[in-house]
C-alpha atoms as a PDB file:
ATOM      1  CA  MET A   1      -3.260  27.274 -59.027  1.00  0.00           C
ATOM      2  CA  ALA A   2       0.386  28.269 -58.512  1.00  0.00           C
ATOM      3  CA  ASN A   3       2.105  27.518 -55.232  1.00  0.00           C
ATOM      4  CA  GLU A   4       1.658  30.620 -53.049  1.00  0.00           C
ATOM      5  CA  LYS A   5       3.208  31.705 -49.787  1.00  0.00           C
ATOM      6  CA  ILE A   6       4.012  34.819 -47.809  1.00  0.00           C
ATOM      7  CA  ILE A   7       7.396  35.449 -46.200  1.00  0.00           C
ATOM      8  CA  LEU A   8       7.882  37.930 -43.356  1.00  0.00           C
ATOM      9  CA  GLY A   9      11.428  39.244 -43.019  1.00  0.00           C
ATOM     10  CA  ILE A  10      12.563  40.884 -39.787  1.00  0.00           C
ATOM     11  CA  ASP A  11      15.601  42.983 -38.934  1.00  0.00           C
ATOM     12  CA  PRO A  12      15.408  42.970 -35.129  1.00  0.00           C
ATOM     13  CA  GLY A  13      16.508  45.937 -33.074  1.00  0.00           C
ATOM     14  CA  THR A  14      15.712  47.723 -29.838  1.00  0.00           C
ATOM     15  CA  THR A  15      15.827  51.164 -31.454  1.00  0.00           C
ATOM     16  CA  ILE A  16      14.220  50.275 -34.794  1.00  0.00           C
ATOM     17  CA  MET A  17      12.788  46.923 -35.883  1.00  0.00           C
ATOM     18  CA  GLY A  18      12.581  46.747 -39.657  1.00  0.00           C
ATOM     19  CA  PHE A  19      10.270  44.339 -41.441  1.00  0.00           C
ATOM     20  CA  GLY A  20       9.172  43.485 -44.937  1.00  0.00           C
ATOM     21  CA  LEU A  21       6.716  41.097 -46.543  1.00  0.00           C
ATOM     22  CA  ILE A  22       6.767  39.416 -49.924  1.00  0.00           C
ATOM     23  CA  LYS A  23       4.319  37.083 -51.615  1.00  0.00           C
ATOM     24  CA  VAL A  24       5.785  34.193 -53.559  1.00  0.00           C
ATOM     25  CA  ILE A  25       3.720  32.810 -56.423  1.00  0.00           C
ATOM     26  CA  GLY A  26       5.436  29.866 -58.059  1.00  0.00           C
ATOM     27  CA  LYS A  27       8.964  31.120 -58.690  1.00  0.00           C
ATOM     28  CA  LYS A  28       8.131  34.835 -58.677  1.00  0.00           C
ATOM     29  CA  MET A  29       8.020  37.236 -55.771  1.00  0.00           C
ATOM     30  CA  GLU A  30       5.838  40.289 -55.266  1.00  0.00           C
ATOM     31  CA  PHE A  31       6.361  43.112 -52.799  1.00  0.00           C
ATOM     32  CA  ILE A  32       3.616  43.439 -50.174  1.00  0.00           C
ATOM     33  CA  GLN A  33       4.976  46.032 -47.758  1.00  0.00           C
ATOM     34  CA  MET A  34       7.865  47.170 -45.597  1.00  0.00           C
ATOM     35  CA  ASN A  35       7.938  49.368 -42.547  1.00  0.00           C
ATOM     36  CA  GLU A  36       9.588  49.819 -39.205  1.00  0.00           C
ATOM     37  CA  LEU A  37       8.666  49.850 -35.570  1.00  0.00           C
ATOM     38  CA  LEU A  38      10.249  52.908 -33.944  1.00  0.00           C
ATOM     39  CA  LEU A  39      11.304  52.276 -30.362  1.00  0.00           C
ATOM     40  CA  LYS A  40      13.626  55.237 -29.675  1.00  0.00           C
ATOM     41  CA  LYS A  41      11.084  57.103 -27.569  1.00  0.00           C
ATOM     42  CA  TYR A  42      10.786  54.288 -25.013  1.00  0.00           C
ATOM     43  CA  ASP A  43      13.328  54.174 -22.195  1.00  0.00           C
ATOM     44  CA  ASP A  44      12.211  50.924 -20.569  1.00  0.00           C
ATOM     45  CA  PRO A  45      13.905  47.972 -22.345  1.00  0.00           C
ATOM     46  CA  TYR A  46      11.101  45.626 -21.287  1.00  0.00           C
ATOM     47  CA  ILE A  47       8.459  47.847 -22.873  1.00  0.00           C
ATOM     48  CA  LYS A  48      10.507  47.726 -26.106  1.00  0.00           C
ATOM     49  CA  LEU A  49      10.536  43.909 -26.011  1.00  0.00           C
ATOM     50  CA  LYS A  50       6.787  43.840 -25.356  1.00  0.00           C
ATOM     51  CA  LEU A  51       6.183  46.153 -28.332  1.00  0.00           C
ATOM     52  CA  ILE A  52       8.393  43.998 -30.607  1.00  0.00           C
ATOM     53  CA  PHE A  53       6.411  40.921 -29.595  1.00  0.00           C
ATOM     54  CA  GLU A  54       3.049  42.647 -30.073  1.00  0.00           C
ATOM     55  CA  ARG A  55       3.963  44.151 -33.472  1.00  0.00           C
ATOM     56  CA  THR A  56       5.249  40.798 -34.717  1.00  0.00           C
ATOM     57  CA  ILE A  57       2.015  39.095 -33.608  1.00  0.00           C
ATOM     58  CA  GLU A  58       0.016  41.869 -35.299  1.00  0.00           C
ATOM     59  CA  LEU A  59       1.929  41.335 -38.568  1.00  0.00           C
ATOM     60  CA  ILE A  60       1.361  37.587 -38.342  1.00  0.00           C
ATOM     61  CA  ASP A  61      -2.346  37.958 -37.635  1.00  0.00           C
ATOM     62  CA  THR A  62      -2.766  40.518 -40.445  1.00  0.00           C
ATOM     63  CA  TYR A  63      -0.702  38.950 -43.248  1.00  0.00           C
ATOM     64  CA  HIS A  64      -0.619  35.260 -42.225  1.00  0.00           C
ATOM     65  CA  PRO A  65       2.977  34.584 -43.317  1.00  0.00           C
ATOM     66  CA  ASP A  66       3.884  30.974 -44.035  1.00  0.00           C
ATOM     67  CA  GLU A  67       7.515  31.501 -43.050  1.00  0.00           C
ATOM     68  CA  ILE A  68       9.647  34.028 -41.192  1.00  0.00           C
ATOM     69  CA  ALA A  69      13.212  34.997 -42.085  1.00  0.00           C
ATOM     70  CA  ILE A  70      15.105  36.904 -39.430  1.00  0.00           C
ATOM     71  CA  GLU A  71      18.500  38.553 -39.413  1.00  0.00           C
ATOM     72  CA  ALA A  72      20.816  36.991 -36.828  1.00  0.00           C
ATOM     73  CA  PRO A  73      22.717  39.305 -34.488  1.00  0.00           C
ATOM     74  CA  PHE A  74      26.237  39.907 -35.725  1.00  0.00           C
ATOM     75  CA  PHE A  75      29.188  39.471 -33.406  1.00  0.00           C
ATOM     76  CA  GLY A  76      30.453  42.867 -32.365  1.00  0.00           C
ATOM     77  CA  LYS A  77      32.747  44.182 -29.704  1.00  0.00           C
ATOM     78  CA  ASN A  78      29.972  45.663 -27.560  1.00  0.00           C
ATOM     79  CA  VAL A  79      28.536  42.821 -25.493  1.00  0.00           C
ATOM     80  CA  GLN A  80      25.629  44.950 -24.198  1.00  0.00           C
ATOM     81  CA  SER A  81      24.533  45.776 -27.754  1.00  0.00           C
ATOM     82  CA  MET A  82      24.667  42.109 -28.716  1.00  0.00           C
ATOM     83  CA  LEU A  83      22.609  41.168 -25.671  1.00  0.00           C
ATOM     84  CA  LYS A  84      19.940  43.752 -26.559  1.00  0.00           C
ATOM     85  CA  LEU A  85      19.855  42.583 -30.182  1.00  0.00           C
ATOM     86  CA  GLY A  86      19.637  38.957 -29.112  1.00  0.00           C
ATOM     87  CA  ARG A  87      16.691  39.735 -26.862  1.00  0.00           C
ATOM     88  CA  ALA A  88      14.909  41.616 -29.656  1.00  0.00           C
ATOM     89  CA  GLN A  89      15.504  38.719 -32.027  1.00  0.00           C
ATOM     90  CA  GLY A  90      14.350  36.182 -29.433  1.00  0.00           C
ATOM     91  CA  VAL A  91      11.123  38.046 -28.752  1.00  0.00           C
ATOM     92  CA  ALA A  92      10.312  38.281 -32.485  1.00  0.00           C
ATOM     93  CA  MET A  93      11.115  34.572 -32.863  1.00  0.00           C
ATOM     94  CA  ALA A  94       8.919  33.693 -29.872  1.00  0.00           C
ATOM     95  CA  ALA A  95       6.024  35.562 -31.492  1.00  0.00           C
ATOM     96  CA  GLY A  96       6.407  33.518 -34.680  1.00  0.00           C
ATOM     97  CA  LEU A  97       6.872  30.248 -32.836  1.00  0.00           C
ATOM     98  CA  SER A  98       3.762  30.961 -30.735  1.00  0.00           C
ATOM     99  CA  ARG A  99       1.827  30.889 -34.024  1.00  0.00           C
ATOM    100  CA  GLN A 100       3.693  27.752 -35.279  1.00  0.00           C
ATOM    101  CA  ILE A 101       5.425  29.589 -38.121  1.00  0.00           C
ATOM    102  CA  PRO A 102       8.774  28.150 -39.263  1.00  0.00           C
ATOM    103  CA  ILE A 103      11.654  30.562 -38.703  1.00  0.00           C
ATOM    104  CA  THR A 104      15.028  30.695 -40.408  1.00  0.00           C
ATOM    105  CA  GLU A 105      17.782  33.037 -39.337  1.00  0.00           C
ATOM    106  CA  TYR A 106      20.421  34.421 -41.666  1.00  0.00           C
ATOM    107  CA  LEU A 107      23.701  36.131 -40.918  1.00  0.00           C
ATOM    108  CA  PRO A 108      23.884  39.722 -42.221  1.00  0.00           C
ATOM    109  CA  LYS A 109      26.673  38.754 -44.668  1.00  0.00           C
ATOM    110  CA  LYS A 110      24.542  35.922 -46.065  1.00  0.00           C
ATOM    111  CA  ILE A 111      21.620  38.317 -46.648  1.00  0.00           C
ATOM    112  CA  LYS A 112      23.860  40.910 -48.342  1.00  0.00           C
ATOM    113  CA  MET A 113      25.440  38.192 -50.490  1.00  0.00           C
ATOM    114  CA  ALA A 114      22.026  36.860 -51.573  1.00  0.00           C
ATOM    115  CA  ILE A 115      20.752  40.312 -52.525  1.00  0.00           C
ATOM    116  CA  THR A 116      23.821  41.991 -54.036  1.00  0.00           C
ATOM    117  CA  GLY A 117      26.375  39.235 -54.607  1.00  0.00           C
ATOM    118  CA  ASN A 118      28.666  40.996 -52.105  1.00  0.00           C
ATOM    119  CA  GLY A 119      28.671  39.970 -48.436  1.00  0.00           C
ATOM    120  CA  ASN A 120      30.174  43.339 -47.492  1.00  0.00           C
ATOM    121  CA  ALA A 121      27.612  45.478 -49.328  1.00  0.00           C
ATOM    122  CA  SER A 122      26.334  48.642 -47.655  1.00  0.00           C
ATOM    123  CA  LYS A 123      22.739  49.124 -46.505  1.00  0.00           C
ATOM    124  CA  GLU A 124      22.325  51.549 -49.432  1.00  0.00           C
ATOM    125  CA  GLN A 125      23.517  48.956 -51.974  1.00  0.00           C
ATOM    126  CA  VAL A 126      21.110  46.349 -50.551  1.00  0.00           C
ATOM    127  CA  ALA A 127      18.235  48.870 -50.653  1.00  0.00           C
ATOM    128  CA  LYS A 128      18.986  49.901 -54.254  1.00  0.00           C
ATOM    129  CA  MET A 129      19.122  46.270 -55.392  1.00  0.00           C
ATOM    130  CA  LEU A 130      15.778  45.541 -53.700  1.00  0.00           C
ATOM    131  CA  GLN A 131      14.321  48.634 -55.341  1.00  0.00           C
ATOM    132  CA  SER A 132      15.438  47.315 -58.722  1.00  0.00           C
ATOM    133  CA  VAL A 133      14.388  43.682 -58.215  1.00  0.00           C
ATOM    134  CA  LEU A 134      10.975  44.448 -56.674  1.00  0.00           C
ATOM    135  CA  GLY A 135      10.210  47.599 -58.666  1.00  0.00           C
ATOM    136  CA  LEU A 136       9.891  49.833 -55.612  1.00  0.00           C
ATOM    137  CA  LYS A 137       9.075  53.442 -56.483  1.00  0.00           C
ATOM    138  CA  SER A 138      10.995  54.931 -53.569  1.00  0.00           C
ATOM    139  CA  LEU A 139      13.114  53.944 -50.601  1.00  0.00           C
ATOM    140  CA  PRO A 140      12.488  54.827 -46.957  1.00  0.00           C
ATOM    141  CA  LYS A 141      14.602  57.347 -45.044  1.00  0.00           C
ATOM    142  CA  ASN A 142      15.779  54.691 -42.572  1.00  0.00           C
ATOM    143  CA  LEU A 143      16.991  51.503 -44.186  1.00  0.00           C
ATOM    144  CA  ASP A 144      15.983  49.150 -41.371  1.00  0.00           C
ATOM    145  CA  SER A 145      12.780  48.300 -43.240  1.00  0.00           C
ATOM    146  CA  THR A 146      14.765  47.387 -46.373  1.00  0.00           C
ATOM    147  CA  ASP A 147      16.972  45.188 -44.166  1.00  0.00           C
ATOM    148  CA  GLY A 148      13.853  43.330 -43.009  1.00  0.00           C
ATOM    149  CA  LEU A 149      12.663  43.039 -46.605  1.00  0.00           C
ATOM    150  CA  ALA A 150      16.132  41.781 -47.587  1.00  0.00           C
ATOM    151  CA  ALA A 151      15.821  38.918 -45.074  1.00  0.00           C
ATOM    152  CA  ALA A 152      12.555  37.830 -46.743  1.00  0.00           C
ATOM    153  CA  VAL A 153      14.067  38.049 -50.252  1.00  0.00           C
ATOM    154  CA  CYS A 154      17.182  36.172 -49.098  1.00  0.00           C
ATOM    155  CA  HIS A 155      14.911  33.414 -47.788  1.00  0.00           C
ATOM    156  CA  PHE A 156      13.130  33.240 -51.147  1.00  0.00           C
ATOM    157  CA  TYR A 157      16.473  33.001 -52.988  1.00  0.00           C
ATOM    158  CA  ASN A 158      17.658  30.223 -50.669  1.00  0.00           C
ATOM    159  CA  GLU A 159      14.478  28.153 -50.885  1.00  0.00           C
ATOM    160  CA  GLY A 160      15.140  24.462 -51.318  1.00  0.00           C
ATOM    161  CA  ARG A 161      18.710  24.618 -50.053  1.00  0.00           C
ATOM    162  CA  ILE A 162      19.258  22.554 -46.961  1.00  0.00           C
ATOM    163  CA  GLU A 163      21.955  24.626 -45.283  1.00  0.00           C
ATOM    164  CA  VAL A 164      20.534  28.140 -45.455  1.00  0.00           C
ATOM    165  CA  GLY A 165      20.812  29.049 -41.823  1.00  0.00           C
ATOM    166  CA  LYS A 166      19.466  27.826 -38.544  1.00  0.00           C
ATOM    167  CA  SER A 167      15.884  26.684 -38.977  1.00  0.00           C
ATOM    168  CA  TYR A 168      13.406  26.316 -36.143  1.00  0.00           C
ATOM    169  CA  SER A 169      10.305  24.476 -37.275  1.00  0.00           C
ATOM    170  CA  GLY A 170      10.615  21.406 -35.067  1.00  0.00           C
ATOM    171  CA  TRP A 171      12.633  18.276 -34.451  1.00  0.00           C
ATOM    172  CA  ASP A 172      10.957  16.214 -37.198  1.00  0.00           C
ATOM    173  CA  ALA A 173      11.912  18.813 -39.814  1.00  0.00           C
ATOM    174  CA  PHE A 174      15.506  18.870 -38.523  1.00  0.00           C
ATOM    175  CA  VAL A 175      15.804  15.077 -38.750  1.00  0.00           C
ATOM    176  CA  LYS A 176      14.285  15.046 -42.234  1.00  0.00           C
ATOM    177  CA  GLN A 177      16.665  17.780 -43.475  1.00  0.00           C
ATOM    178  CA  ASN A 178      19.674  16.045 -41.952  1.00  0.00           C
ATOM    179  CA  GLU A 179      18.928  12.335 -42.494  1.00  0.00           C
ATOM    180  CA  LYS A 180      22.461  11.614 -43.715  1.00  0.00           C
ATOM    181  CA  ARG A 181      24.001  13.176 -40.596  1.00  0.00           C
ATOM    182  CA  VAL A 182      21.648  11.696 -38.011  1.00  0.00           C
ATOM    183  CA  LYS A 183      22.638   8.186 -36.907  1.00  0.00           C
ATOM    184  CA  LYS A 184      19.703   5.859 -36.471  1.00  0.00           C
END
């Protein structure tokens, strides 16, 4: 039987959290689903974080992903926005880690580069490329779900490369991946 795994990709946000799932069979990927968690209607930031955590757990318990790829917050000028994004990302990561699922984070430019070959590609360009590669019939109105899907596809494309992003599966895995750098 071919080597099979499921990758959950997450684009964290406190207004919209986008996510996508792919199944990898051998060296091929298949689209499972993409969607978004809409959080605009909630005023309380702590309720938003609770909902992000709960939805991530629900996705994990439903689809049983083997790995999670998450978009890292980008460095912007608005410190408050970065703080909110970082909290959303942290809560989604905590959900995955609570189920012992390895997590890798990717910078937005790295994801865009993996999908389109251009680190400065627009959300629309990333979505169109995913539509082509995965044979999607249509694209969603909001492109946060395609951003989550893009994180999963980026992770698939970077499989086997040691320096793909920051990985959080445990100290033993870190030492094994970095044996040449770790002094014994």
